[in-house]
Amino acid sequence: MSFAPLKTIEDLAITETPRPDVSSFTAFTEEKINNFITAVINTTMFLPHYFSVKHLLKTLFLPWKNLTEKKKMSGEGLDALFNRLSFNIISRLVGSTVRIMTLITYLFVQIAFVLFLPIAFTIFLLILPLQYLAQLGHTAKKQDEEEKKVKMSFISSHMLDPKNQKVVEEW
């Protein structure tokens, strides 16, 4: 039996999420559209689980909160029989009504989601160039910061006297 090696603190550290490829607009757009499609598929798969559709359909006509009236003693009269029967029928009707309303709510949410998709996708496509420009600006700032860090580390490692900074920078 072998175990996976223990991870170091550096391996467990939260790293920055990878940024989309901004080398070209088409690569950026392709990645973003794939992310959008993945989100739509995940939401479509999530909604039936959220509303427990499978479970609601299986238990559609079960009593509400499992409230039922049991026969208490043998030889009870018709009045007790009708009371028990009416209570059980009403409990089942309440249970099925609540479950049907939940299923109807699920259907409305699913229909609204499907109807909203074209609008959301259109807005997504309109905002995509702005996202690309923002990403380009962010990447350019990161590169400038990295260049400054490299320059400062070079200067600090090659400069003995602070008054020679200009000479070291030109070198």
Foldseek 3Di string as FASTA:
>chain_A
DDDDDDDDPVVVDDDDDDDFDLPDLVSLVVVVVVVVVVVLVVVVVVLCVVLVVVVCVVCLQQFAVNDADDDDDPPDDPVVVVVRVVVRNVRRVVSNVVSVVSVVVSVVVVVVSVVCVVVVVVVVVVCSVVVSVVVVVVVVVVVVVVVVVVLVVQQVVPDDDVVCSVVSSVD
